[in-house]
PDB file of N, CA and C in Angstrom:
ATOM      1  N   UNK A   1       1.158  -0.853   0.211  1.00  0.00           N
ATOM      2  CA  UNK A   1       0.144  -0.150   0.192  1.00  0.00           C
ATOM      3  C   UNK A   1       0.849   1.284   0.102  1.00  0.00           C
ATOM      4  N   UNK A   2       0.808   2.435  -0.569  1.00  0.00           N
ATOM      5  CA  UNK A   2       1.472   3.744  -0.843  1.00  0.00           C
ATOM      6  C   UNK A   2       0.868   4.056   0.365  1.00  0.00           C
ATOM      7  N   UNK A   3       2.050   4.573   0.293  1.00  0.00           N
ATOM      8  CA  UNK A   3       1.833   5.714   1.908  1.00  0.00           C
ATOM      9  C   UNK A   3       1.358   7.225   1.208  1.00  0.00           C
ATOM     10  N   UNK A   4       0.561   7.722   2.405  1.00  0.00           N
ATOM     11  CA  UNK A   4       0.986   9.320   1.262  1.00  0.00           C
ATOM     12  C   UNK A   4       1.636  10.047   2.399  1.00  0.00           C
ATOM     13  N   UNK A   5       2.190  11.178   1.695  1.00  0.00           N
ATOM     14  CA  UNK A   5       3.310  11.709   2.425  1.00  0.00           C
ATOM     15  C   UNK A   5       3.300  13.018   2.568  1.00  0.00           C
ATOM     16  N   UNK A   6       3.989  14.301   3.613  1.00  0.00           N
ATOM     17  CA  UNK A   6       2.421  15.656   3.861  1.00  0.00           C
ATOM     18  C   UNK A   6       2.950  15.929   2.890  1.00  0.00           C
ATOM     19  N   UNK A   7       3.847  16.156   1.687  1.00  0.00           N
ATOM     20  CA  UNK A   7       3.540  17.061   0.599  1.00  0.00           C
ATOM     21  C   UNK A   7       1.835  17.304  -0.559  1.00  0.00           C
ATOM     22  N   UNK A   8       2.082  15.811  -0.370  1.00  0.00           N
ATOM     23  CA  UNK A   8       0.558  15.209  -1.175  1.00  0.00           C
ATOM     24  C   UNK A   8      -0.177  15.724  -0.439  1.00  0.00           C
ATOM     25  N   UNK A   9      -0.861  15.543   0.920  1.00  0.00           N
ATOM     26  CA  UNK A   9      -1.664  15.963   1.676  1.00  0.00           C
ATOM     27  C   UNK A   9      -2.264  17.242   1.716  1.00  0.00           C
ATOM     28  N   UNK A  10      -0.394  18.678   1.373  1.00  0.00           N
ATOM     29  CA  UNK A  10      -0.957  19.380   1.445  1.00  0.00           C
ATOM     30  C   UNK A  10      -1.634  20.438   0.791  1.00  0.00           C
ATOM     31  N   UNK A  11      -1.673  19.122  -0.738  1.00  0.00           N
ATOM     32  CA  UNK A  11      -2.425  20.089  -2.571  1.00  0.00           C
ATOM     33  C   UNK A  11      -3.989  19.249  -1.691  1.00  0.00           C
ATOM     34  N   UNK A  12      -3.856  18.521  -1.041  1.00  0.00           N
ATOM     35  CA  UNK A  12      -5.544  18.213  -1.482  1.00  0.00           C
ATOM     36  C   UNK A  12      -6.851  19.447  -0.220  1.00  0.00           C
ATOM     37  N   UNK A  13      -5.368  20.117   0.524  1.00  0.00           N
ATOM     38  CA  UNK A  13      -6.376  21.056   1.515  1.00  0.00           C
ATOM     39  C   UNK A  13      -7.439  22.493   0.568  1.00  0.00           C
ATOM     40  N   UNK A  14      -8.588  22.651   1.178  1.00  0.00           N
ATOM     41  CA  UNK A  14      -9.770  23.862   1.075  1.00  0.00           C
ATOM     42  C   UNK A  14     -10.670  23.267   0.219  1.00  0.00           C
ATOM     43  N   UNK A  15     -11.331  24.055  -1.004  1.00  0.00           N
ATOM     44  CA  UNK A  15     -12.430  23.837  -1.456  1.00  0.00           C
ATOM     45  C   UNK A  15     -12.012  24.714  -2.630  1.00  0.00           C
ATOM     46  N   UNK A  16     -11.894  24.423  -3.839  1.00  0.00           N
ATOM     47  CA  UNK A  16     -11.620  24.666  -4.970  1.00  0.00           C
ATOM     48  C   UNK A  16     -12.768  26.349  -5.168  1.00  0.00           C
ATOM     49  N   UNK A  17     -12.325  26.827  -5.978  1.00  0.00           N
ATOM     50  CA  UNK A  17     -13.097  27.880  -6.360  1.00  0.00           C
ATOM     51  C   UNK A  17     -14.125  27.732  -7.358  1.00  0.00           C
ATOM     52  N   UNK A  18     -14.740  27.196  -7.942  1.00  0.00           N
ATOM     53  CA  UNK A  18     -15.072  26.726  -8.927  1.00  0.00           C
ATOM     54  C   UNK A  18     -16.230  25.891  -7.411  1.00  0.00           C
ATOM     55  N   UNK A  19     -15.893  25.003  -6.357  1.00  0.00           N
ATOM     56  CA  UNK A  19     -16.808  24.679  -4.910  1.00  0.00           C
ATOM     57  C   UNK A  19     -17.277  25.759  -4.888  1.00  0.00           C
ATOM     58  N   UNK A  20     -16.285  26.696  -4.419  1.00  0.00           N
ATOM     59  CA  UNK A  20     -16.711  28.062  -3.055  1.00  0.00           C
ATOM     60  C   UNK A  20     -17.969  28.959  -4.378  1.00  0.00           C
ATOM     61  N   UNK A  21     -17.926  29.415  -5.067  1.00  0.00           N
ATOM     62  CA  UNK A  21     -17.980  29.858  -6.304  1.00  0.00           C
ATOM     63  C   UNK A  21     -20.069  28.721  -6.194  1.00  0.00           C
ATOM     64  N   UNK A  22     -20.356  28.047  -6.081  1.00  0.00           N
ATOM     65  CA  UNK A  22     -21.649  26.877  -6.665  1.00  0.00           C
ATOM     66  C   UNK A  22     -22.164  26.881  -4.702  1.00  0.00           C
ATOM     67  N   UNK A  23     -20.985  26.905  -3.993  1.00  0.00           N
ATOM     68  CA  UNK A  23     -22.114  26.975  -2.146  1.00  0.00           C
ATOM     69  C   UNK A  23     -22.774  28.572  -2.111  1.00  0.00           C
ATOM     70  N   UNK A  24     -21.970  29.211  -3.217  1.00  0.00           N
ATOM     71  CA  UNK A  24     -21.897  31.045  -3.230  1.00  0.00           C
ATOM     72  C   UNK A  24     -23.693  30.787  -3.639  1.00  0.00           C
ATOM     73  N   UNK A  25     -23.415  30.000  -4.725  1.00  0.00           N
ATOM     74  CA  UNK A  25     -24.763  30.243  -5.593  1.00  0.00           C
ATOM     75  C   UNK A  25     -26.291  29.893  -5.195  1.00  0.00           C
ATOM     76  N   UNK A  26     -26.005  28.467  -4.354  1.00  0.00           N
ATOM     77  CA  UNK A  26     -26.750  27.551  -3.565  1.00  0.00           C
ATOM     78  C   UNK A  26     -27.172  28.550  -2.790  1.00  0.00           C
ATOM     79  N   UNK A  27     -26.556  29.063  -1.359  1.00  0.00           N
ATOM     80  CA  UNK A  27     -26.826  29.884  -0.533  1.00  0.00           C
ATOM     81  C   UNK A  27     -27.358  31.200  -0.880  1.00  0.00           C
ATOM     82  N   UNK A  28     -27.246  31.618  -1.700  1.00  0.00           N
ATOM     83  CA  UNK A  28     -28.376  33.074  -2.500  1.00  0.00           C
ATOM     84  C   UNK A  28     -29.442  32.871  -2.863  1.00  0.00           C
ATOM     85  N   UNK A  29     -29.455  31.036  -3.514  1.00  0.00           N
ATOM     86  CA  UNK A  29     -30.653  30.707  -4.383  1.00  0.00           C
ATOM     87  C   UNK A  29     -31.518  30.660  -2.739  1.00  0.00           C
ATOM     88  N   UNK A  30     -31.496  29.721  -2.364  1.00  0.00           N
ATOM     89  CA  UNK A  30     -31.840  29.725  -0.830  1.00  0.00           C
ATOM     90  C   UNK A  30     -32.546  30.634  -0.374  1.00  0.00           C
ATOM     91  N   UNK A  31     -31.527  31.401  -0.078  1.00  0.00           N
ATOM     92  CA  UNK A  31     -31.906  33.677   0.052  1.00  0.00           C
ATOM     93  C   UNK A  31     -33.356  34.231  -0.258  1.00  0.00           C
ATOM     94  N   UNK A  32     -32.841  33.623  -1.618  1.00  0.00           N
ATOM     95  CA  UNK A  32     -33.673  34.947  -2.538  1.00  0.00           C
ATOM     96  C   UNK A  32     -34.923  33.886  -2.589  1.00  0.00           C
ATOM     97  N   UNK A  33     -34.979  33.087  -2.531  1.00  0.00           N
ATOM     98  CA  UNK A  33     -36.411  31.624  -2.664  1.00  0.00           C
ATOM     99  C   UNK A  33     -37.031  32.336  -1.257  1.00  0.00           C
ATOM    100  N   UNK A  34     -36.445  32.411   0.039  1.00  0.00           N
ATOM    101  CA  UNK A  34     -36.889  32.428   1.328  1.00  0.00           C
ATOM    102  C   UNK A  34     -37.178  34.010   1.127  1.00  0.00           C
ATOM    103  N   UNK A  35     -36.817  34.670   1.168  1.00  0.00           N
ATOM    104  CA  UNK A  35     -37.293  36.330   0.961  1.00  0.00           C
ATOM    105  C   UNK A  35     -38.435  36.731   0.485  1.00  0.00           C
ATOM    106  N   UNK A  36     -38.636  35.813  -0.319  1.00  0.00           N
ATOM    107  CA  UNK A  36     -40.270  36.223  -1.868  1.00  0.00           C
ATOM    108  C   UNK A  36     -40.973  35.328  -0.825  1.00  0.00           C
ATOM    109  N   UNK A  37     -40.773  34.254  -0.331  1.00  0.00           N
ATOM    110  CA  UNK A  37     -41.820  33.458   0.449  1.00  0.00           C
ATOM    111  C   UNK A  37     -42.495  33.604   1.794  1.00  0.00           C
ATOM    112  N   UNK A  38     -41.651  34.449   2.985  1.00  0.00           N
ATOM    113  CA  UNK A  38     -41.500  34.740   4.212  1.00  0.00           C
ATOM    114  C   UNK A  38     -42.681  35.535   4.354  1.00  0.00           C
ATOM    115  N   UNK A  39     -42.922  36.403   3.645  1.00  0.00           N
ATOM    116  CA  UNK A  39     -43.856  37.427   4.095  1.00  0.00           C
ATOM    117  C   UNK A  39     -45.191  37.027   3.311  1.00  0.00           C
ATOM    118  N   UNK A  40     -45.611  35.961   2.912  1.00  0.00           N
ATOM    119  CA  UNK A  40     -46.606  35.195   2.818  1.00  0.00           C
ATOM    120  C   UNK A  40     -47.654  34.251   4.382  1.00  0.00           C
ATOM    121  N   UNK A  41     -46.097  33.928   4.959  1.00  0.00           N
ATOM    122  CA  UNK A  41     -46.739  33.330   6.618  1.00  0.00           C
ATOM    123  C   UNK A  41     -46.985  34.080   7.548  1.00  0.00           C
ATOM    124  N   UNK A  42     -46.039  34.982   6.943  1.00  0.00           N
ATOM    125  CA  UNK A  42     -46.002  36.166   8.901  1.00  0.00           C
ATOM    126  C   UNK A  42     -47.287  36.929   8.277  1.00  0.00           C
ATOM    127  N   UNK A  43     -47.766  36.635   7.282  1.00  0.00           N
ATOM    128  CA  UNK A  43     -49.106  37.710   6.347  1.00  0.00           C
ATOM    129  C   UNK A  43     -49.842  36.443   7.330  1.00  0.00           C
ATOM    130  N   UNK A  44     -50.190  35.804   6.792  1.00  0.00           N
ATOM    131  CA  UNK A  44     -51.013  34.077   7.620  1.00  0.00           C
ATOM    132  C   UNK A  44     -51.196  33.909   8.829  1.00  0.00           C
ATOM    133  N   UNK A  45     -50.140  34.271   9.221  1.00  0.00           N
ATOM    134  CA  UNK A  45     -50.181  34.372  10.801  1.00  0.00           C
ATOM    135  C   UNK A  45     -50.508  35.223  11.497  1.00  0.00           C
ATOM    136  N   UNK A  46     -50.379  36.147  10.955  1.00  0.00           N
ATOM    137  CA  UNK A  46     -51.639  37.477  11.042  1.00  0.00           C
ATOM    138  C   UNK A  46     -53.102  37.054  11.275  1.00  0.00           C
ATOM    139  N   UNK A  47     -53.269  36.915   9.749  1.00  0.00           N
ATOM    140  CA  UNK A  47     -54.738  36.743   9.313  1.00  0.00           C
ATOM    141  C   UNK A  47     -55.537  35.605  10.833  1.00  0.00           C
ATOM    142  N   UNK A  48     -54.562  34.843  10.656  1.00  0.00           N
ATOM    143  CA  UNK A  48     -54.631  33.372  11.684  1.00  0.00           C
ATOM    144  C   UNK A  48     -54.761  33.795  12.827  1.00  0.00           C
ATOM    145  N   UNK A  49     -54.093  34.908  13.399  1.00  0.00           N
ATOM    146  CA  UNK A  49     -54.264  35.024  14.632  1.00  0.00           C
ATOM    147  C   UNK A  49     -55.810  36.311  15.311  1.00  0.00           C
ATOM    148  N   UNK A  50     -55.519  36.590  14.186  1.00  0.00           N
ATOM    149  CA  UNK A  50     -56.591  37.549  14.933  1.00  0.00           C
ATOM    150  C   UNK A  50     -57.964  36.973  14.424  1.00  0.00           C
ATOM    151  N   UNK A  51     -58.194  35.616  13.980  1.00  0.00           N
ATOM    152  CA  UNK A  51     -59.650  34.845  13.973  1.00  0.00           C
ATOM    153  C   UNK A  51     -59.164  34.182  15.095  1.00  0.00           C
ATOM    154  N   UNK A  52     -58.048  33.791  15.528  1.00  0.00           N
ATOM    155  CA  UNK A  52     -58.271  32.367  16.742  1.00  0.00           C
ATOM    156  C   UNK A  52     -58.169  33.351  18.174  1.00  0.00           C
ATOM    157  N   UNK A  53     -57.553  34.453  17.749  1.00  0.00           N
ATOM    158  CA  UNK A  53     -58.285  35.475  18.985  1.00  0.00           C
ATOM    159  C   UNK A  53     -59.346  35.519  19.491  1.00  0.00           C
ATOM    160  N   UNK A  54     -60.192  35.689  18.184  1.00  0.00           N
ATOM    161  CA  UNK A  54     -61.603  36.320  18.600  1.00  0.00           C
ATOM    162  C   UNK A  54     -62.671  34.631  18.634  1.00  0.00           C
ATOM    163  N   UNK A  55     -61.961  33.035  18.522  1.00  0.00           N
ATOM    164  CA  UNK A  55     -63.083  32.664  18.968  1.00  0.00           C
ATOM    165  C   UNK A  55     -61.870  32.495  20.177  1.00  0.00           C
ATOM    166  N   UNK A  56     -60.791  32.344  20.723  1.00  0.00           N
ATOM    167  CA  UNK A  56     -61.027  32.176  22.391  1.00  0.00           C
ATOM    168  C   UNK A  56     -61.183  33.492  22.997  1.00  0.00           C
ATOM    169  N   UNK A  57     -61.714  34.564  22.388  1.00  0.00           N
ATOM    170  CA  UNK A  57     -62.845  35.475  23.232  1.00  0.00           C
ATOM    171  C   UNK A  57     -63.987  34.758  23.408  1.00  0.00           C
ATOM    172  N   UNK A  58     -64.278  34.310  22.167  1.00  0.00           N
ATOM    173  CA  UNK A  58     -66.088  33.944  22.129  1.00  0.00           C
ATOM    174  C   UNK A  58     -66.625  34.867  21.944  1.00  0.00           C
ATOM    175  N   UNK A  59     -65.815  36.364  21.132  1.00  0.00           N
ATOM    176  CA  UNK A  59     -66.708  36.495  20.053  1.00  0.00           C
ATOM    177  C   UNK A  59     -67.028  36.850  18.285  1.00  0.00           C
ATOM    178  N   UNK A  60     -66.594  35.839  18.536  1.00  0.00           N
ATOM    179  CA  UNK A  60     -66.739  34.829  16.993  1.00  0.00           C
ATOM    180  C   UNK A  60     -68.670  34.543  17.081  1.00  0.00           C
ATOM    181  N   UNK A  61     -68.531  34.079  18.292  1.00  0.00           N
ATOM    182  CA  UNK A  61     -69.919  33.495  17.949  1.00  0.00           C
ATOM    183  C   UNK A  61     -70.792  34.154  18.114  1.00  0.00           C
ATOM    184  N   UNK A  62     -70.559  35.301  18.345  1.00  0.00           N
ATOM    185  CA  UNK A  62     -72.206  36.648  18.347  1.00  0.00           C
ATOM    186  C   UNK A  62     -71.600  37.393  16.734  1.00  0.00           C
ATOM    187  N   UNK A  63     -70.535  37.389  16.475  1.00  0.00           N
ATOM    188  CA  UNK A  63     -70.225  38.118  15.427  1.00  0.00           C
ATOM    189  C   UNK A  63     -71.072  37.440  13.771  1.00  0.00           C
ATOM    190  N   UNK A  64     -70.675  37.851  12.756  1.00  0.00           N
ATOM    191  CA  UNK A  64     -71.457  37.796  11.795  1.00  0.00           C
ATOM    192  C   UNK A  64     -69.535  38.056  10.705  1.00  0.00           C
ATOM    193  N   UNK A  65     -69.901  37.224   9.468  1.00  0.00           N
ATOM    194  CA  UNK A  65     -69.258  37.087   9.084  1.00  0.00           C
ATOM    195  C   UNK A  65     -68.267  38.715   8.211  1.00  0.00           C
ATOM    196  N   UNK A  66     -69.582  39.266   8.104  1.00  0.00           N
ATOM    197  CA  UNK A  66     -69.299  40.594   8.030  1.00  0.00           C
ATOM    198  C   UNK A  66     -67.552  41.236   8.573  1.00  0.00           C
ATOM    199  N   UNK A  67     -68.689  40.455  10.274  1.00  0.00           N
ATOM    200  CA  UNK A  67     -68.060  42.054  10.845  1.00  0.00           C
ATOM    201  C   UNK A  67     -66.681  41.317  11.874  1.00  0.00           C
ATOM    202  N   UNK A  68     -65.932  39.873  11.239  1.00  0.00           N
ATOM    203  CA  UNK A  68     -65.457  39.448  11.156  1.00  0.00           C
ATOM    204  C   UNK A  68     -64.825  39.372  10.150  1.00  0.00           C
ATOM    205  N   UNK A  69     -64.683  39.563   9.439  1.00  0.00           N
ATOM    206  CA  UNK A  69     -64.117  40.148   8.127  1.00  0.00           C
ATOM    207  C   UNK A  69     -63.488  41.887   7.689  1.00  0.00           C
ATOM    208  N   UNK A  70     -64.600  42.111   8.488  1.00  0.00           N
ATOM    209  CA  UNK A  70     -64.308  44.194   8.669  1.00  0.00           C
ATOM    210  C   UNK A  70     -63.018  44.091   9.808  1.00  0.00           C
ATOM    211  N   UNK A  71     -63.267  43.288  10.921  1.00  0.00           N
ATOM    212  CA  UNK A  71     -62.015  43.305  12.215  1.00  0.00           C
ATOM    213  C   UNK A  71     -60.064  42.691  11.337  1.00  0.00           C
ATOM    214  N   UNK A  72     -60.797  41.787  10.782  1.00  0.00           N
ATOM    215  CA  UNK A  72     -59.923  41.157   9.716  1.00  0.00           C
ATOM    216  C   UNK A  72     -58.920  42.381   9.014  1.00  0.00           C
ATOM    217  N   UNK A  73     -59.888  43.147   8.056  1.00  0.00           N
ATOM    218  CA  UNK A  73     -59.164  44.209   7.160  1.00  0.00           C
ATOM    219  C   UNK A  73     -58.978  45.194   7.752  1.00  0.00           C
ATOM    220  N   UNK A  74     -58.938  45.485   8.796  1.00  0.00           N
ATOM    221  CA  UNK A  74     -58.583  46.876  10.041  1.00  0.00           C
ATOM    222  C   UNK A  74     -57.373  46.303   9.876  1.00  0.00           C
ATOM    223  N   UNK A  75     -57.122  45.175  10.388  1.00  0.00           N
ATOM    224  CA  UNK A  75     -55.942  44.756  11.057  1.00  0.00           C
ATOM    225  C   UNK A  75     -54.472  44.774   9.723  1.00  0.00           C
ATOM    226  N   UNK A  76     -55.467  44.394   8.427  1.00  0.00           N
ATOM    227  CA  UNK A  76     -54.197  43.966   7.675  1.00  0.00           C
ATOM    228  C   UNK A  76     -54.162  44.820   7.093  1.00  0.00           C
ATOM    229  N   UNK A  77     -54.712  47.018   7.143  1.00  0.00           N
ATOM    230  CA  UNK A  77     -54.809  48.311   6.835  1.00  0.00           C
ATOM    231  C   UNK A  77     -53.819  48.366   8.093  1.00  0.00           C
ATOM    232  N   UNK A  78     -53.613  48.734   9.141  1.00  0.00           N
ATOM    233  CA  UNK A  78     -52.860  48.403   9.958  1.00  0.00           C
ATOM    234  C   UNK A  78     -51.147  48.715   9.679  1.00  0.00           C
ATOM    235  N   UNK A  79     -51.174  47.240   9.325  1.00  0.00           N
ATOM    236  CA  UNK A  79     -49.999  46.301   9.011  1.00  0.00           C
ATOM    237  C   UNK A  79     -49.650  46.550   7.494  1.00  0.00           C
ATOM    238  N   UNK A  80     -50.447  47.420   6.830  1.00  0.00           N
ATOM    239  CA  UNK A  80     -49.947  47.386   5.382  1.00  0.00           C
ATOM    240  C   UNK A  80     -49.710  46.456   4.705  1.00  0.00           C
ATOM    241  N   UNK A  81     -50.991  45.760   4.856  1.00  0.00           N
ATOM    242  CA  UNK A  81     -50.685  43.918   4.186  1.00  0.00           C
ATOM    243  C   UNK A  81     -52.092  44.398   3.024  1.00  0.00           C
ATOM    244  N   UNK A  82     -51.955  43.909   2.018  1.00  0.00           N
ATOM    245  CA  UNK A  82     -52.628  44.294   0.863  1.00  0.00           C
ATOM    246  C   UNK A  82     -52.363  42.566  -0.073  1.00  0.00           C
ATOM    247  N   UNK A  83     -53.282  42.607  -0.770  1.00  0.00           N
ATOM    248  CA  UNK A  83     -53.563  41.151  -1.690  1.00  0.00           C
ATOM    249  C   UNK A  83     -54.283  40.474  -1.281  1.00  0.00           C
ATOM    250  N   UNK A  84     -55.081  41.032  -0.169  1.00  0.00           N
ATOM    251  CA  UNK A  84     -55.654  39.508   0.715  1.00  0.00           C
ATOM    252  C   UNK A  84     -57.553  39.534  -0.278  1.00  0.00           C
ATOM    253  N   UNK A  85     -57.837  38.544   0.122  1.00  0.00           N
ATOM    254  CA  UNK A  85     -59.147  38.971  -0.449  1.00  0.00           C
ATOM    255  C   UNK A  85     -60.082  38.601   1.063  1.00  0.00           C
ATOM    256  N   UNK A  86     -61.075  39.380   1.315  1.00  0.00           N
ATOM    257  CA  UNK A  86     -61.030  38.664   2.650  1.00  0.00           C
ATOM    258  C   UNK A  86     -62.366  37.398   2.094  1.00  0.00           C
ATOM    259  N   UNK A  87     -62.762  37.734   1.666  1.00  0.00           N
ATOM    260  CA  UNK A  87     -63.868  36.774   0.254  1.00  0.00           C
ATOM    261  C   UNK A  87     -62.874  35.182   0.811  1.00  0.00           C
ATOM    262  N   UNK A  88     -61.928  34.825   1.247  1.00  0.00           N
ATOM    263  CA  UNK A  88     -61.341  33.805   1.765  1.00  0.00           C
ATOM    264  C   UNK A  88     -61.485  33.185   3.057  1.00  0.00           C
ATOM    265  N   UNK A  89     -62.501  33.856   3.711  1.00  0.00           N
ATOM    266  CA  UNK A  89     -62.169  34.223   5.193  1.00  0.00           C
ATOM    267  C   UNK A  89     -64.117  33.477   5.503  1.00  0.00           C
ATOM    268  N   UNK A  90     -64.053  32.228   5.556  1.00  0.00           N
ATOM    269  CA  UNK A  90     -65.555  31.583   5.635  1.00  0.00           C
ATOM    270  C   UNK A  90     -65.736  31.797   7.237  1.00  0.00           C
ATOM    271  N   UNK A  91     -66.791  31.574   7.611  1.00  0.00           N
ATOM    272  CA  UNK A  91     -67.728  30.832   9.110  1.00  0.00           C
ATOM    273  C   UNK A  91     -68.678  30.154   9.128  1.00  0.00           C
ATOM    274  N   UNK A  92     -68.482  29.089   9.927  1.00  0.00           N
ATOM    275  CA  UNK A  92     -70.275  28.569  10.663  1.00  0.00           C
ATOM    276  C   UNK A  92     -70.157  28.059  11.858  1.00  0.00           C
ATOM    277  N   UNK A  93     -70.941  27.681  11.906  1.00  0.00           N
ATOM    278  CA  UNK A  93     -71.032  27.446  13.127  1.00  0.00           C
ATOM    279  C   UNK A  93     -71.513  25.543  13.575  1.00  0.00           C
ATOM    280  N   UNK A  94     -71.354  25.029  14.683  1.00  0.00           N
ATOM    281  CA  UNK A  94     -71.110  23.698  14.904  1.00  0.00           C
ATOM    282  C   UNK A  94     -71.278  23.513  16.987  1.00  0.00           C
ATOM    283  N   UNK A  95     -72.726  23.383  16.962  1.00  0.00           N
ATOM    284  CA  UNK A  95     -72.847  23.488  18.327  1.00  0.00           C
ATOM    285  C   UNK A  95     -72.482  24.514  18.466  1.00  0.00           C
ATOM    286  N   UNK A  96     -73.138  25.845  18.782  1.00  0.00           N
ATOM    287  CA  UNK A  96     -73.142  27.003  19.108  1.00  0.00           C
ATOM    288  C   UNK A  96     -71.931  27.394  18.774  1.00  0.00           C
ATOM    289  N   UNK A  97     -70.677  26.061  18.825  1.00  0.00           N
ATOM    290  CA  UNK A  97     -69.589  26.792  19.085  1.00  0.00           C
ATOM    291  C   UNK A  97     -68.916  27.663  17.293  1.00  0.00           C
ATOM    292  N   UNK A  98     -68.056  28.903  16.974  1.00  0.00           N
ATOM    293  CA  UNK A  98     -67.969  29.504  15.593  1.00  0.00           C
ATOM    294  C   UNK A  98     -67.128  28.729  15.212  1.00  0.00           C
ATOM    295  N   UNK A  99     -66.751  28.022  13.501  1.00  0.00           N
ATOM    296  CA  UNK A  99     -65.238  28.112  12.847  1.00  0.00           C
ATOM    297  C   UNK A  99     -65.287  28.480  11.943  1.00  0.00           C
ATOM    298  N   UNK A 100     -63.852  29.088  11.883  1.00  0.00           N
ATOM    299  CA  UNK A 100     -63.848  29.784  11.213  1.00  0.00           C
ATOM    300  C   UNK A 100     -62.470  29.135  10.115  1.00  0.00           C
ATOM    301  N   UNK A 101     -62.883  29.712   9.059  1.00  0.00           N
ATOM    302  CA  UNK A 101     -61.786  28.661   8.055  1.00  0.00           C
ATOM    303  C   UNK A 101     -61.275  29.650   6.712  1.00  0.00           C
ATOM    304  N   UNK A 102     -59.919  29.715   7.227  1.00  0.00           N
ATOM    305  CA  UNK A 102     -59.244  30.972   5.726  1.00  0.00           C
ATOM    306  C   UNK A 102     -58.466  29.506   4.858  1.00  0.00           C
ATOM    307  N   UNK A 103     -59.231  29.712   3.653  1.00  0.00           N
ATOM    308  CA  UNK A 103     -58.338  28.961   2.868  1.00  0.00           C
ATOM    309  C   UNK A 103     -58.092  30.303   1.523  1.00  0.00           C
ATOM    310  N   UNK A 104     -56.900  30.178   0.927  1.00  0.00           N
ATOM    311  CA  UNK A 104     -56.681  30.736   0.109  1.00  0.00           C
ATOM    312  C   UNK A 104     -54.963  30.262  -0.536  1.00  0.00           C
ATOM    313  N   UNK A 105     -55.335  30.119  -1.880  1.00  0.00           N
ATOM    314  CA  UNK A 105     -53.198  30.772  -2.035  1.00  0.00           C
ATOM    315  C   UNK A 105     -53.123  32.038  -2.680  1.00  0.00           C
ATOM    316  N   UNK A 106     -51.394  31.991  -2.921  1.00  0.00           N
ATOM    317  CA  UNK A 106     -50.905  32.606  -3.018  1.00  0.00           C
ATOM    318  C   UNK A 106     -49.787  32.968  -4.236  1.00  0.00           C
ATOM    319  N   UNK A 107     -49.649  33.438  -4.911  1.00  0.00           N
ATOM    320  CA  UNK A 107     -48.477  33.293  -6.215  1.00  0.00           C
ATOM    321  C   UNK A 107     -46.971  34.309  -5.990  1.00  0.00           C
ATOM    322  N   UNK A 108     -45.933  33.880  -6.204  1.00  0.00           N
ATOM    323  CA  UNK A 108     -45.017  35.210  -6.470  1.00  0.00           C
ATOM    324  C   UNK A 108     -44.026  34.913  -7.774  1.00  0.00           C
ATOM    325  N   UNK A 109     -43.357  35.469  -7.736  1.00  0.00           N
ATOM    326  CA  UNK A 109     -42.686  34.811  -9.639  1.00  0.00           C
ATOM    327  C   UNK A 109     -41.270  34.796  -9.025  1.00  0.00           C
ATOM    328  N   UNK A 110     -40.663  33.771  -8.681  1.00  0.00           N
ATOM    329  CA  UNK A 110     -39.509  33.009  -8.702  1.00  0.00           C
ATOM    330  C   UNK A 110     -38.106  33.842  -9.362  1.00  0.00           C
ATOM    331  N   UNK A 111     -38.471  33.480 -10.797  1.00  0.00           N
ATOM    332  CA  UNK A 111     -36.807  33.049 -11.733  1.00  0.00           C
ATOM    333  C   UNK A 111     -37.823  32.421 -12.686  1.00  0.00           C
ATOM    334  N   UNK A 112     -37.716  34.415 -13.643  1.00  0.00           N
ATOM    335  CA  UNK A 112     -37.929  33.734 -15.134  1.00  0.00           C
ATOM    336  C   UNK A 112     -39.927  33.563 -14.966  1.00  0.00           C
ATOM    337  N   UNK A 113     -40.086  32.369 -15.727  1.00  0.00           N
ATOM    338  CA  UNK A 113     -40.831  31.683 -15.761  1.00  0.00           C
ATOM    339  C   UNK A 113     -41.467  30.289 -14.823  1.00  0.00           C
ATOM    340  N   UNK A 114     -40.485  30.425 -13.226  1.00  0.00           N
ATOM    341  CA  UNK A 114     -40.683  29.978 -11.905  1.00  0.00           C
ATOM    342  C   UNK A 114     -41.622  30.210 -11.649  1.00  0.00           C
ATOM    343  N   UNK A 115     -42.433  30.425 -10.877  1.00  0.00           N
ATOM    344  CA  UNK A 115     -43.568  30.659 -10.012  1.00  0.00           C
ATOM    345  C   UNK A 115     -43.143  29.567  -8.698  1.00  0.00           C
ATOM    346  N   UNK A 116     -43.569  30.604  -7.407  1.00  0.00           N
ATOM    347  CA  UNK A 116     -43.426  29.507  -6.303  1.00  0.00           C
ATOM    348  C   UNK A 116     -45.540  29.536  -5.315  1.00  0.00           C
ATOM    349  N   UNK A 117     -46.047  28.857  -4.680  1.00  0.00           N
ATOM    350  CA  UNK A 117     -47.012  29.228  -5.280  1.00  0.00           C
ATOM    351  C   UNK A 117     -47.541  28.566  -3.807  1.00  0.00           C
ATOM    352  N   UNK A 118     -47.609  29.130  -2.861  1.00  0.00           N
ATOM    353  CA  UNK A 118     -48.195  29.124  -1.483  1.00  0.00           C
ATOM    354  C   UNK A 118     -49.822  28.536  -1.189  1.00  0.00           C
ATOM    355  N   UNK A 119     -50.228  27.783  -0.860  1.00  0.00           N
ATOM    356  CA  UNK A 119     -51.666  27.277  -0.321  1.00  0.00           C
ATOM    357  C   UNK A 119     -51.716  27.291   0.855  1.00  0.00           C
ATOM    358  N   UNK A 120     -52.708  28.013   1.313  1.00  0.00           N
ATOM    359  CA  UNK A 120     -53.195  28.049   2.886  1.00  0.00           C
ATOM    360  C   UNK A 120     -55.021  27.234   2.972  1.00  0.00           C
ATOM    361  N   UNK A 121     -54.877  26.057   4.144  1.00  0.00           N
ATOM    362  CA  UNK A 121     -56.032  25.959   4.213  1.00  0.00           C
ATOM    363  C   UNK A 121     -56.510  25.987   5.714  1.00  0.00           C
ATOM    364  N   UNK A 122     -56.438  26.934   6.624  1.00  0.00           N
ATOM    365  CA  UNK A 122     -56.652  26.484   8.014  1.00  0.00           C
ATOM    366  C   UNK A 122     -58.265  26.607   8.972  1.00  0.00           C
ATOM    367  N   UNK A 123     -58.265  25.662   9.819  1.00  0.00           N
ATOM    368  CA  UNK A 123     -59.862  26.178  10.488  1.00  0.00           C
ATOM    369  C   UNK A 123     -59.056  26.010  11.499  1.00  0.00           C
ATOM    370  N   UNK A 124     -60.211  26.729  11.745  1.00  0.00           N
ATOM    371  CA  UNK A 124     -60.383  27.225  13.541  1.00  0.00           C
ATOM    372  C   UNK A 124     -61.090  27.147  14.532  1.00  0.00           C
ATOM    373  N   UNK A 125     -60.892  26.515  15.919  1.00  0.00           N
ATOM    374  CA  UNK A 125     -62.124  26.326  16.302  1.00  0.00           C
ATOM    375  C   UNK A 125     -62.009  26.737  17.796  1.00  0.00           C
TER     376      UNK A 125
END
């Protein structure tokens, strides 16, 4: 078996320029994709949080769907969030308890003709 000399090991240390470039491209693509998709989840968590608070407080039981949508619209206006269709929020009542459903999808162009679609379907009881 051939033994490795110290000189041979010295030439095999580190990453190549191509390897570093590919790592940079990979990290940049994940970062760009994340920065485009993350606001969808922040907006959805805000909307779901408002509706969940209404259910936990028991206010949703006595509110109409238009009152719930108005409450969400006020919060979206305060937080400068646009592009959400309030008709995607629905309410039904089972056993005298309000159940709010938030179902919609958002789409953003990632690169050229590639789009990212985020589909949300949340049921709050």
